[in-house]
């Protein structure tokens, strides 16, 4: 228990301060947890490793959780992992249940964070050993499973698949880097854009453009009407929040938090895949799948418990293998490097005090996150009281600033923001699905790398079907996901919109 001497008042102040700043970063469109950690990373050099990690882990937890605020209130995900929170969170706001949805998401976030923390602390060595067994084949199949759930997230199977494939296609713009076994050739772009698109389109400008700029353009096309105070207050004065919303959601909570933790353990898959997988699985197993996308509390619970479950899971490969689980934990490697400590298989055994202090910091950060967000939620919800003709220019300005600063001042990222905003606006007019497009764009590059490396290693496509029992299990899940999506689509088509059974969700 020598590590208790490291838990000074300054340690907890830094955790609380980091969590508060992280929430603000996550709640502001254009800012992310990754950006918050990156900006504050230099501070860790003067603070020392333990106190520095306290600050950074607070930023991490707060930033991931804060993303639910704009996702629910504004339909703009504050972080990539909160994309699926918009699917049901924003419809709840439109029905006058914004505060209800926010509190529901906060409780789910707390459960997901604490669940992953318990798994990290109790089973980190065993889980690390299990993750080591995953070859490129299993990693590719995990992503393929995430991509197949596009059907479950779309009103039309064909349109959803086409939108997802389009996202994958655009994600391949750039060069295939030699650092991951590529040949360095330029793909899908003219020579004039090579200096700007060598690494492809940056995720954050694309994400903000598709969800932020496109929403502003759509509102402008319809005309922003003058709203009364009663209109705007309606967004937060609907049905009151009650813990009874969690009745019957125990399986959803545990399954979604487990998916988030498991996906976090797999390096490079990311929080988007975690939230998509958990959301789609809850929809597939739900007795009322037609309610998803229309304000179903179960959808909010699935998304938020999964993306907060990622926080503990992503630390497993970082601390046991020296491989970051996501972009934010990649920045945490810099904090260790500044202090001359190398993360890897020997880290926990050689640094038990640092390991235990990190567990305490994560526990404190989740507690602070819950208290700050739950009791200040009315103030956060008052964002919707700002008139849209005032709010949207501010969002646009912050989106531009966020896109410009994410890569340290590249103007092309601002043009990317505007380009994808216009493309998303036009695409929605043509009937394309935004969610599958973004999911394909995020997961496409990793899928390509794992697929190519699998072929290079074994030289045949049959290896994806015969390599291991784990691969077979993943294929079964893929088949079930596609099959359930087709079945649900046919059942909905057979009922028709006027069928009373459809209204009852039978």
Protein backbone atom coordinates (compact mmCIF):
# COMPACT_ATOMS: atom_id res chain seq x y z
CA UNK A 1 0.00 0.00 0.00
CA UNK A 2 2.99 2.28 -0.47
CA UNK A 3 1.25 3.92 -3.41
CA UNK A 4 -1.13 5.65 -0.97
CA UNK A 5 1.65 8.11 -0.22
CA UNK A 6 1.40 9.24 -3.85
CA UNK A 7 -2.29 10.14 -3.52
CA UNK A 8 -1.82 13.72 -2.38
CA UNK A 9 -4.49 16.47 -2.45
CA UNK A 10 -2.81 17.75 -5.61
CA UNK A 11 -3.38 14.34 -7.21
CA UNK A 12 -7.15 14.52 -6.71
CA UNK A 13 -7.32 18.20 -7.67
CA UNK A 14 -5.63 17.35 -10.95
CA UNK A 15 -8.05 14.46 -11.55
CA UNK A 16 -11.04 16.74 -10.91
CA UNK A 17 -9.61 19.58 -12.97
CA UNK A 18 -8.71 17.29 -15.84
CA UNK A 19 -12.18 15.73 -15.82
CA UNK A 20 -13.89 19.12 -15.86
CA UNK A 21 -11.75 20.40 -18.75
CA UNK A 22 -12.26 17.11 -20.59
CA UNK A 23 -16.05 17.43 -20.27
CA UNK A 24 -15.87 20.93 -21.75
CA UNK A 25 -13.71 19.72 -24.63
CA UNK A 26 -16.06 16.82 -25.32
CA UNK A 27 -19.17 19.00 -25.07
CA UNK A 28 -17.92 21.59 -27.57
CA UNK A 29 -18.32 20.52 -31.21
CA UNK A 30 -14.92 20.44 -32.85
CA UNK A 31 -13.04 19.54 -29.69
CA UNK A 32 -12.24 15.98 -28.56
CA UNK A 33 -10.72 14.03 -25.70
CA UNK A 34 -7.69 13.39 -27.88
CA UNK A 35 -7.22 17.11 -28.44
CA UNK A 36 -7.58 17.81 -24.71
CA UNK A 37 -4.93 15.22 -23.80
CA UNK A 38 -2.60 16.43 -26.55
CA UNK A 39 -2.83 20.07 -25.48
CA UNK A 40 -2.14 19.27 -21.83
CA UNK A 41 0.59 16.67 -22.47
CA UNK A 42 3.50 19.14 -22.00
CA UNK A 43 2.25 19.89 -18.48
CA UNK A 44 3.08 16.36 -17.37
CA UNK A 45 6.80 17.01 -17.62
CA UNK A 46 6.71 19.48 -14.73
CA UNK A 47 4.08 17.57 -12.75
CA UNK A 48 5.82 14.21 -12.58
CA UNK A 49 4.44 10.92 -13.88
CA UNK A 50 1.83 10.12 -11.21
CA UNK A 51 0.31 13.61 -11.06
CA UNK A 52 0.66 13.99 -14.82
CA UNK A 53 -1.23 10.76 -15.43
CA UNK A 54 -3.91 11.91 -12.98
CA UNK A 55 -4.48 14.98 -15.14
CA UNK A 56 -4.41 13.10 -18.44
CA UNK A 57 -6.68 10.28 -17.29
CA UNK A 58 -9.17 12.85 -16.00
CA UNK A 59 -9.08 14.53 -19.42
CA UNK A 60 -9.56 11.14 -21.08
CA UNK A 61 -12.62 10.11 -19.07
CA UNK A 62 -14.16 13.59 -19.11
CA UNK A 63 -13.60 14.04 -22.85
CA UNK A 64 -15.15 10.70 -23.79
CA UNK A 65 -18.16 11.34 -21.53
CA UNK A 66 -18.62 14.98 -22.53
CA UNK A 67 -19.24 13.96 -26.13
CA UNK A 68 -22.76 12.87 -25.21
CA UNK A 69 -23.89 16.46 -24.61
CA UNK A 70 -23.76 17.78 -28.20
CA UNK A 71 -24.71 14.33 -29.50
CA UNK A 72 -28.01 14.44 -27.61
CA UNK A 73 -28.77 18.16 -27.71
CA UNK A 74 -27.43 19.15 -31.12
CA UNK A 75 -27.13 15.88 -33.08
CA UNK A 76 -23.37 16.50 -33.39
CA UNK A 77 -21.17 13.81 -31.79
CA UNK A 78 -18.55 15.39 -29.56
CA UNK A 79 -16.33 12.35 -30.05
CA UNK A 80 -16.26 9.68 -32.79
CA UNK A 81 -17.45 7.09 -30.27
CA UNK A 82 -20.64 9.07 -29.55
CA UNK A 83 -21.92 8.80 -33.13
CA UNK A 84 -24.54 6.21 -32.23
CA UNK A 85 -25.67 8.32 -29.26
CA UNK A 86 -27.14 10.75 -31.79
CA UNK A 87 -29.35 8.03 -33.26
CA UNK A 88 -31.74 7.98 -30.30
CA UNK A 89 -30.48 10.78 -28.05
CA UNK A 90 -31.37 13.59 -30.44
CA UNK A 91 -34.84 12.20 -31.25
CA UNK A 92 -35.50 12.17 -27.49
CA UNK A 93 -34.51 15.85 -27.38
CA UNK A 94 -36.86 16.58 -30.27
CA UNK A 95 -39.67 14.97 -28.26
CA UNK A 96 -38.95 17.21 -25.27
CA UNK A 97 -36.87 14.63 -23.38
CA UNK A 98 -33.41 16.17 -23.66
CA UNK A 99 -32.68 16.25 -19.93
CA UNK A 100 -34.03 12.74 -19.55
CA UNK A 101 -31.74 11.47 -22.30
CA UNK A 102 -28.71 13.27 -20.83
CA UNK A 103 -29.16 11.78 -17.36
CA UNK A 104 -29.80 8.36 -18.87
CA UNK A 105 -26.53 8.64 -20.81
CA UNK A 106 -24.61 9.85 -17.75
CA UNK A 107 -25.64 6.81 -15.70
CA UNK A 108 -24.77 4.50 -18.61
CA UNK A 109 -21.39 6.24 -18.98
CA UNK A 110 -20.63 5.73 -15.30
CA UNK A 111 -21.51 2.04 -15.50
CA UNK A 112 -19.41 1.52 -18.62
CA UNK A 113 -16.42 3.31 -17.11
CA UNK A 114 -16.55 1.42 -13.81
CA UNK A 115 -17.14 -1.92 -15.56
CA UNK A 116 -14.10 -1.51 -17.78
CA UNK A 117 -12.05 -0.32 -14.82
CA UNK A 118 -12.93 -3.47 -12.86
CA UNK A 119 -12.03 -5.65 -15.84
CA UNK A 120 -8.77 -3.77 -16.30
CA UNK A 121 -7.76 -4.19 -12.67
CA UNK A 122 -8.88 -7.79 -12.16
CA UNK A 123 -8.14 -9.39 -15.51
CA UNK A 124 -5.52 -7.26 -17.29
CA UNK A 125 -2.86 -10.01 -17.51
CA UNK A 126 -5.30 -12.65 -18.79
CA UNK A 127 -6.97 -10.25 -21.23
CA UNK A 128 -3.60 -9.15 -22.55
CA UNK A 129 -2.65 -12.78 -23.19
CA UNK A 130 -5.96 -13.30 -25.00
CA UNK A 131 -5.47 -10.22 -27.20
CA UNK A 132 -2.03 -11.45 -28.20
CA UNK A 133 -3.67 -14.49 -29.83
CA UNK A 134 -5.52 -12.27 -32.30
CA UNK A 135 -3.76 -12.31 -35.65
CA UNK A 136 -4.52 -9.98 -38.54
CA UNK A 137 -7.24 -12.41 -39.57
CA UNK A 138 -9.23 -12.03 -36.37
CA UNK A 139 -8.71 -8.25 -36.37
CA UNK A 140 -10.04 -8.04 -39.92
CA UNK A 141 -13.07 -10.15 -39.03
CA UNK A 142 -13.82 -7.92 -36.03
CA UNK A 143 -13.94 -4.93 -38.38
CA UNK A 144 -15.98 -6.91 -40.92
CA UNK A 145 -18.48 -7.65 -38.15
CA UNK A 146 -18.69 -3.93 -37.39
CA UNK A 147 -19.24 -3.17 -41.07
CA UNK A 148 -22.00 -5.76 -41.47
CA UNK A 149 -24.09 -4.06 -38.82
CA UNK A 150 -24.56 -1.16 -41.23
CA UNK A 151 -27.64 -3.03 -42.39
CA UNK A 152 -29.07 -2.89 -38.88
CA UNK A 153 -28.50 0.87 -38.76
CA UNK A 154 -30.15 1.64 -42.10
CA UNK A 155 -33.73 1.93 -43.24
CA UNK A 156 -32.78 0.15 -46.48
CA UNK A 157 -30.29 -2.73 -46.65
CA UNK A 158 -29.05 -1.84 -50.15
CA UNK A 159 -28.73 1.88 -49.45
CA UNK A 160 -26.96 1.20 -46.17
CA UNK A 161 -24.42 -1.12 -47.78
CA UNK A 162 -23.83 1.31 -50.65
CA UNK A 163 -23.30 4.21 -48.22
CA UNK A 164 -20.86 2.14 -46.16
CA UNK A 165 -18.88 1.02 -49.20
CA UNK A 166 -18.72 4.64 -50.37
CA UNK A 167 -17.25 5.58 -46.98
CA UNK A 168 -14.63 2.83 -47.27
CA UNK A 169 -13.76 3.94 -50.81
CA UNK A 170 -13.18 7.56 -49.75
CA UNK A 171 -11.16 6.43 -46.72
CA UNK A 172 -8.64 4.81 -49.09
CA UNK A 173 -7.71 8.16 -50.66
CA UNK A 174 -4.02 8.86 -50.05
CA UNK A 175 -0.94 6.68 -50.00
CA UNK A 176 -0.67 3.17 -48.68
CA UNK A 177 2.05 3.82 -46.09
CA UNK A 178 5.14 1.65 -46.06
CA UNK A 179 5.03 1.68 -42.24
CA UNK A 180 2.16 -0.84 -42.40
CA UNK A 181 3.51 -2.88 -45.29
CA UNK A 182 2.24 -0.75 -48.16
CA UNK A 183 4.08 0.27 -51.29
CA UNK A 184 3.74 4.03 -50.77
CA UNK A 185 1.83 4.55 -54.02
CA UNK A 186 -0.62 7.42 -54.42
CA UNK A 187 -4.25 6.33 -54.77
CA UNK A 188 -7.51 7.94 -55.88
CA UNK A 189 -6.33 11.55 -56.07
CA UNK A 190 -4.80 13.97 -58.59
CA UNK A 191 -1.14 14.93 -58.32
CA UNK A 192 -2.01 18.50 -57.32
CA UNK A 193 -3.54 17.24 -54.05
CA UNK A 194 -0.74 14.86 -53.07
CA UNK A 195 0.83 17.33 -50.56
CA UNK A 196 -2.53 17.63 -48.79
CA UNK A 197 -3.90 14.10 -49.04
CA UNK A 198 -0.77 12.03 -48.57
CA UNK A 199 -2.31 10.60 -45.39
CA UNK A 200 -5.89 10.80 -46.65
CA UNK A 201 -8.72 12.92 -45.30
CA UNK A 202 -8.37 13.70 -41.57
CA UNK A 203 -11.13 12.09 -39.50
CA UNK A 204 -12.11 15.04 -37.30
CA UNK A 205 -12.81 17.53 -40.13
CA UNK A 206 -14.80 14.86 -41.97
CA UNK A 207 -16.78 13.99 -38.86
CA UNK A 208 -17.59 17.59 -37.98
CA UNK A 209 -18.44 18.40 -41.59
CA UNK A 210 -20.82 15.46 -42.00
CA UNK A 211 -22.63 15.98 -38.69
CA UNK A 212 -22.16 19.70 -38.06
CA UNK A 213 -21.91 21.67 -41.31
CA UNK A 214 -24.47 19.46 -43.06
CA UNK A 215 -26.97 20.05 -40.23
CA UNK A 216 -26.44 23.81 -40.49
CA UNK A 217 -26.91 23.71 -44.27
CA UNK A 218 -30.09 21.64 -43.88
CA UNK A 219 -31.45 24.12 -41.37
CA UNK A 220 -30.56 27.03 -43.62
CA UNK A 221 -32.28 25.34 -46.58
CA UNK A 222 -35.50 25.03 -44.57
CA UNK A 223 -35.21 28.50 -43.09
CA UNK A 224 -34.53 29.08 -39.40
CA UNK A 225 -37.85 30.19 -37.97
CA UNK A 226 -38.11 32.48 -35.00
CA UNK A 227 -38.64 30.33 -31.91
CA UNK A 228 -40.40 31.34 -28.74
CA UNK A 229 -39.02 30.61 -25.29
CA UNK A 230 -41.69 27.93 -24.89
CA UNK A 231 -40.50 26.20 -28.07
CA UNK A 232 -36.95 26.00 -26.83
CA UNK A 233 -37.80 25.06 -23.26
CA UNK A 234 -39.85 22.18 -24.59
CA UNK A 235 -36.58 20.42 -25.33
CA UNK A 236 -35.80 20.02 -21.64
CA UNK A 237 -39.20 19.93 -20.00
CA UNK A 238 -40.53 16.59 -21.21
CA UNK A 239 -40.88 13.42 -19.18
CA UNK A 240 -38.74 13.51 -16.01
CA UNK A 241 -35.80 11.18 -15.59
CA UNK A 242 -36.30 8.08 -13.47
CA UNK A 243 -34.12 5.11 -12.67
CA UNK A 244 -37.06 2.97 -13.79
CA UNK A 245 -35.75 3.57 -17.33
CA UNK A 246 -33.07 1.00 -16.51
CA UNK A 247 -35.62 -1.67 -15.66
CA UNK A 248 -34.95 -4.61 -17.93
CA UNK A 249 -31.73 -3.03 -19.24
CA UNK A 250 -29.29 -5.08 -17.14
CA UNK A 251 -28.30 -7.35 -20.02
CA UNK A 252 -27.95 -4.35 -22.32
CA UNK A 253 -25.66 -2.55 -19.85
CA UNK A 254 -23.39 -5.53 -19.23
CA UNK A 255 -23.27 -6.63 -22.87
CA UNK A 256 -22.55 -3.12 -24.17
CA UNK A 257 -19.91 -2.39 -21.53
CA UNK A 258 -18.32 -5.77 -22.28
CA UNK A 259 -18.24 -5.01 -26.01
CA UNK A 260 -16.68 -1.61 -25.33
CA UNK A 261 -14.03 -3.12 -23.06
CA UNK A 262 -13.26 -5.97 -25.46
CA UNK A 263 -12.99 -3.69 -28.51
CA UNK A 264 -10.78 -1.35 -26.49
CA UNK A 265 -8.38 -4.21 -25.85
CA UNK A 266 -7.97 -4.77 -29.60
CA UNK A 267 -5.41 -2.18 -30.71
CA UNK A 268 -6.54 0.28 -33.33
CA UNK A 269 -10.19 -0.76 -33.66
CA UNK A 270 -11.41 2.26 -31.67
CA UNK A 271 -14.50 3.51 -29.88
CA UNK A 272 -16.58 3.91 -33.03
CA UNK A 273 -16.59 0.15 -33.62
CA UNK A 274 -17.43 -0.45 -29.95
CA UNK A 275 -20.48 1.82 -29.92
CA UNK A 276 -21.68 0.58 -33.32
CA UNK A 277 -21.38 -3.08 -32.32
CA UNK A 278 -23.16 -2.60 -29.00
CA UNK A 279 -25.92 -0.46 -30.53
CA UNK A 280 -26.58 -2.91 -33.36
CA UNK A 281 -26.55 -5.95 -31.10
CA UNK A 282 -29.04 -4.33 -28.75
CA UNK A 283 -31.23 -3.50 -31.74
CA UNK A 284 -30.98 -7.04 -33.09
CA UNK A 285 -31.96 -8.59 -29.75
CA UNK A 286 -34.63 -6.03 -28.92
CA UNK A 287 -38.31 -6.97 -28.94
CA UNK A 288 -39.05 -3.56 -30.49
CA UNK A 289 -36.25 -2.89 -33.01
CA UNK A 290 -38.43 -0.50 -34.99
CA UNK A 291 -38.24 2.01 -32.09
CA UNK A 292 -34.49 2.44 -32.52
CA UNK A 293 -33.60 5.69 -34.23
CA UNK A 294 -36.81 7.27 -32.94
CA UNK A 295 -35.80 7.94 -29.35
CA UNK A 296 -35.31 4.51 -27.74
CA UNK A 297 -33.62 4.79 -24.30
CA UNK A 298 -32.01 1.37 -24.87
CA UNK A 299 -30.07 2.82 -27.82
CA UNK A 300 -28.61 5.61 -25.68
CA UNK A 301 -27.69 3.14 -22.93
CA UNK A 302 -25.98 0.78 -25.39
CA UNK A 303 -23.92 3.53 -27.04
CA UNK A 304 -22.75 5.33 -23.91
CA UNK A 305 -21.97 2.26 -21.79
CA UNK A 306 -19.88 0.91 -24.68
CA UNK A 307 -17.85 4.01 -25.48
CA UNK A 308 -17.04 4.58 -21.80
CA UNK A 309 -16.21 0.90 -21.47
CA UNK A 310 -13.49 1.64 -23.98
CA UNK A 311 -11.52 3.77 -21.49
CA UNK A 312 -10.38 0.87 -19.36
CA UNK A 313 -10.11 -1.60 -22.21
CA UNK A 314 -7.85 0.63 -24.32
CA UNK A 315 -5.35 0.78 -21.47
CA UNK A 316 -4.84 -3.00 -21.50
CA UNK A 317 -2.76 -3.18 -24.72
CA UNK A 318 -1.06 0.10 -23.81
CA UNK A 319 0.21 -1.07 -20.44
CA UNK A 320 0.78 -4.74 -21.23
CA UNK A 321 2.00 -4.60 -24.84
CA UNK A 322 3.07 -1.01 -25.34
CA UNK A 323 0.48 -0.72 -28.13
CA UNK A 324 -2.14 2.06 -27.84
CA UNK A 325 -5.74 0.94 -28.00
CA UNK A 326 -6.90 4.23 -29.54
CA UNK A 327 -5.64 7.67 -30.51
CA UNK A 328 -5.93 9.07 -27.00
CA UNK A 329 -3.94 6.30 -25.34
CA UNK A 330 -1.35 6.78 -28.09
CA UNK A 331 -0.79 10.25 -26.67
CA UNK A 332 -0.44 8.74 -23.18
CA UNK A 333 2.66 6.94 -24.43
CA UNK A 334 4.19 10.41 -24.73
CA UNK A 335 3.60 11.01 -21.03
CA UNK A 336 5.53 7.85 -20.15
CA UNK A 337 8.28 8.75 -22.62
CA UNK A 338 8.70 12.20 -21.04
CA UNK A 339 9.42 10.44 -17.74
CA UNK A 340 11.73 7.84 -19.26
CA UNK A 341 9.40 4.88 -18.61
CA UNK A 342 8.66 2.26 -21.25
CA UNK A 343 5.28 0.57 -21.27
CA UNK A 344 5.14 -3.09 -22.17
CA UNK A 345 4.82 -6.60 -20.73
CA UNK A 346 6.94 -5.77 -17.69
CA UNK A 347 5.33 -2.44 -16.83
CA UNK A 348 2.77 -3.53 -14.22
CA UNK A 349 5.19 -5.83 -12.39
CA UNK A 350 8.00 -3.29 -12.31
CA UNK A 351 5.83 -0.26 -11.49
CA UNK A 352 3.11 -1.42 -9.09
CA UNK A 353 2.76 2.02 -7.47
CA UNK A 354 2.14 3.76 -10.78
CA UNK A 355 -0.28 0.99 -11.82
CA UNK A 356 -2.31 1.33 -8.60
CA UNK A 357 -2.32 5.14 -8.79
CA UNK A 358 -3.69 4.91 -12.34
CA UNK A 359 -6.53 2.70 -11.13
CA UNK A 360 -7.36 5.21 -8.38
CA UNK A 361 -7.20 8.08 -10.89
CA UNK A 362 -9.64 6.33 -13.23
CA UNK A 363 -11.99 5.56 -10.34
CA UNK A 364 -11.89 9.16 -9.14
CA UNK A 365 -12.31 10.51 -12.68
CA UNK A 366 -15.47 8.46 -13.24
CA UNK A 367 -16.90 9.61 -9.91
CA UNK A 368 -16.10 13.26 -10.64
CA UNK A 369 -17.50 12.93 -14.15
CA UNK A 370 -20.80 11.61 -12.84
CA UNK A 371 -21.16 14.25 -10.10
CA UNK A 372 -20.22 17.16 -12.35
CA UNK A 373 -22.43 16.15 -15.26
CA UNK A 374 -25.42 14.89 -13.30
CA UNK A 375 -25.82 17.87 -11.00
CA UNK A 376 -24.90 20.47 -13.62
CA UNK A 377 -26.95 18.88 -16.38
CA UNK A 378 -29.60 21.61 -16.33
CA UNK A 379 -26.92 24.16 -17.08
CA UNK A 380 -25.52 22.01 -19.88
CA UNK A 381 -29.01 21.44 -21.25
CA UNK A 382 -29.53 25.21 -21.43
CA UNK A 383 -27.37 25.14 -24.54
CA UNK A 384 -30.60 24.53 -26.42
CA UNK A 385 -32.04 27.81 -25.11
CA UNK A 386 -29.63 29.68 -27.35
CA UNK A 387 -31.51 30.68 -30.55
CA UNK A 388 -30.38 28.70 -33.56
CA UNK A 389 -29.44 31.83 -35.49
CA UNK A 390 -26.98 32.55 -32.67
CA UNK A 391 -25.96 28.96 -31.91
CA UNK A 392 -25.20 27.77 -35.44
CA UNK A 393 -22.67 30.50 -36.32
CA UNK A 394 -20.89 29.75 -33.03
CA UNK A 395 -20.88 26.02 -33.81
CA UNK A 396 -19.59 26.72 -37.31
CA UNK A 397 -16.82 28.95 -35.97
CA UNK A 398 -15.75 26.39 -33.36
CA UNK A 399 -15.92 23.62 -35.94
CA UNK A 400 -13.60 25.56 -38.23
CA UNK A 401 -11.22 26.29 -35.34
CA UNK A 402 -11.25 22.64 -34.28
CA UNK A 403 -10.60 21.42 -37.83
CA UNK A 404 -7.80 23.96 -38.29
CA UNK A 405 -6.00 23.17 -35.03
CA UNK A 406 -6.29 19.37 -34.90
CA UNK A 407 -3.24 18.99 -37.15
CA UNK A 408 -1.52 22.15 -35.91
CA UNK A 409 -2.81 24.63 -38.46
CA UNK A 410 -3.53 23.03 -41.83
CA UNK A 411 -5.96 25.08 -43.90
CA UNK A 412 -6.79 22.09 -46.09
CA UNK A 413 -8.57 20.53 -43.10
CA UNK A 414 -10.97 23.49 -43.13
CA UNK A 415 -11.69 22.89 -46.81
CA UNK A 416 -12.22 19.20 -45.96
CA UNK A 417 -14.73 20.24 -43.30
CA UNK A 418 -16.71 22.33 -45.77
CA UNK A 419 -16.43 19.77 -48.60
CA UNK A 420 -17.82 16.88 -46.57
CA UNK A 421 -20.48 19.12 -45.07
CA UNK A 422 -21.78 19.93 -48.56
CA UNK A 423 -21.43 16.30 -49.72
CA UNK A 424 -23.36 15.03 -46.68
CA UNK A 425 -26.09 17.62 -47.24
CA UNK A 426 -26.46 16.63 -50.91
CA UNK A 427 -26.18 12.92 -50.07
CA UNK A 428 -29.04 13.08 -47.59
CA UNK A 429 -31.17 14.83 -50.22
CA UNK A 430 -30.41 11.88 -52.53
CA UNK A 431 -31.38 9.36 -49.84
CA UNK A 432 -27.94 8.14 -48.74
CA UNK A 433 -27.35 7.07 -45.13
CA UNK A 434 -24.89 9.17 -43.12
CA UNK A 435 -24.16 6.68 -40.31
CA UNK A 436 -23.00 3.77 -42.53
CA UNK A 437 -20.89 6.21 -44.56
CA UNK A 438 -19.05 7.44 -41.47
CA UNK A 439 -18.65 3.93 -40.09
CA UNK A 440 -17.15 2.75 -43.37
CA UNK A 441 -14.85 5.78 -43.50
CA UNK A 442 -13.52 5.17 -39.99
CA UNK A 443 -12.99 1.42 -40.26
CA UNK A 444 -11.93 1.17 -43.91
CA UNK A 445 -8.16 1.82 -43.60
CA UNK A 446 -7.69 -0.67 -40.76
CA UNK A 447 -9.72 -3.29 -42.63
CA UNK A 448 -7.47 -2.88 -45.67
CA UNK A 449 -4.28 -3.25 -43.65
CA UNK A 450 -5.44 -6.38 -41.81
CA UNK A 451 -6.82 -7.97 -44.99
CA UNK A 452 -3.65 -7.39 -47.02
CA UNK A 453 -1.36 -8.56 -44.23
CA UNK A 454 -3.44 -11.72 -43.81
CA UNK A 455 -3.12 -12.50 -47.53
CA UNK A 456 0.60 -11.72 -47.49
CA UNK A 457 1.13 -14.06 -44.54
CA UNK A 458 -0.89 -17.05 -45.78
CA UNK A 459 -1.37 -16.46 -49.52
CA UNK A 460 -4.99 -17.65 -49.77
CA UNK A 461 -8.49 -16.35 -49.02
CA UNK A 462 -9.47 -19.67 -47.44
CA UNK A 463 -7.36 -18.78 -44.42
CA UNK A 464 -10.17 -16.49 -43.24
CA UNK A 465 -12.39 -19.56 -42.83
CA UNK A 466 -9.94 -22.13 -41.50
CA UNK A 467 -7.42 -20.29 -39.35
CA UNK A 468 -8.83 -20.59 -35.84
CA UNK A 469 -11.92 -21.26 -33.69
CA UNK A 470 -12.00 -17.54 -32.87
CA UNK A 471 -12.40 -16.76 -36.58
CA UNK A 472 -15.23 -19.27 -36.81
CA UNK A 473 -17.06 -17.62 -33.93
CA UNK A 474 -16.69 -14.24 -35.60
CA UNK A 475 -18.07 -15.63 -38.88
CA UNK A 476 -21.10 -16.97 -37.00
CA UNK A 477 -21.68 -13.52 -35.47
CA UNK A 478 -21.35 -11.90 -38.88
CA UNK A 479 -23.89 -14.31 -40.38
CA UNK A 480 -26.29 -13.77 -37.49
CA UNK A 481 -25.99 -10.00 -37.78
CA UNK A 482 -26.72 -10.00 -41.52
CA UNK A 483 -29.46 -12.60 -41.16
CA UNK A 484 -31.23 -10.70 -38.41
CA UNK A 485 -31.02 -7.48 -40.39
CA UNK A 486 -32.61 -9.11 -43.46
CA UNK A 487 -35.29 -10.77 -41.32
CA UNK A 488 -36.20 -7.54 -39.54
CA UNK A 489 -36.33 -5.63 -42.83
CA UNK A 490 -38.65 -8.22 -44.41
CA UNK A 491 -40.86 -8.32 -41.33
CA UNK A 492 -41.19 -4.54 -41.34
CA UNK A 493 -41.96 -4.54 -45.08
CA UNK A 494 -44.55 -7.28 -44.64
CA UNK A 495 -46.42 -5.38 -41.94
CA UNK A 496 -46.65 -2.08 -43.74
CA UNK A 497 -46.86 1.29 -42.01
CA UNK A 498 -50.54 0.95 -41.10
CA UNK A 499 -50.31 -2.49 -39.52
CA UNK A 500 -51.40 -2.28 -35.86
CA UNK A 501 -48.86 -4.95 -34.98
CA UNK A 502 -46.08 -2.64 -36.10
CA UNK A 503 -47.32 0.05 -33.76
CA UNK A 504 -47.36 -2.37 -30.87
CA UNK A 505 -43.83 -3.58 -31.73
CA UNK A 506 -45.10 -7.17 -31.76
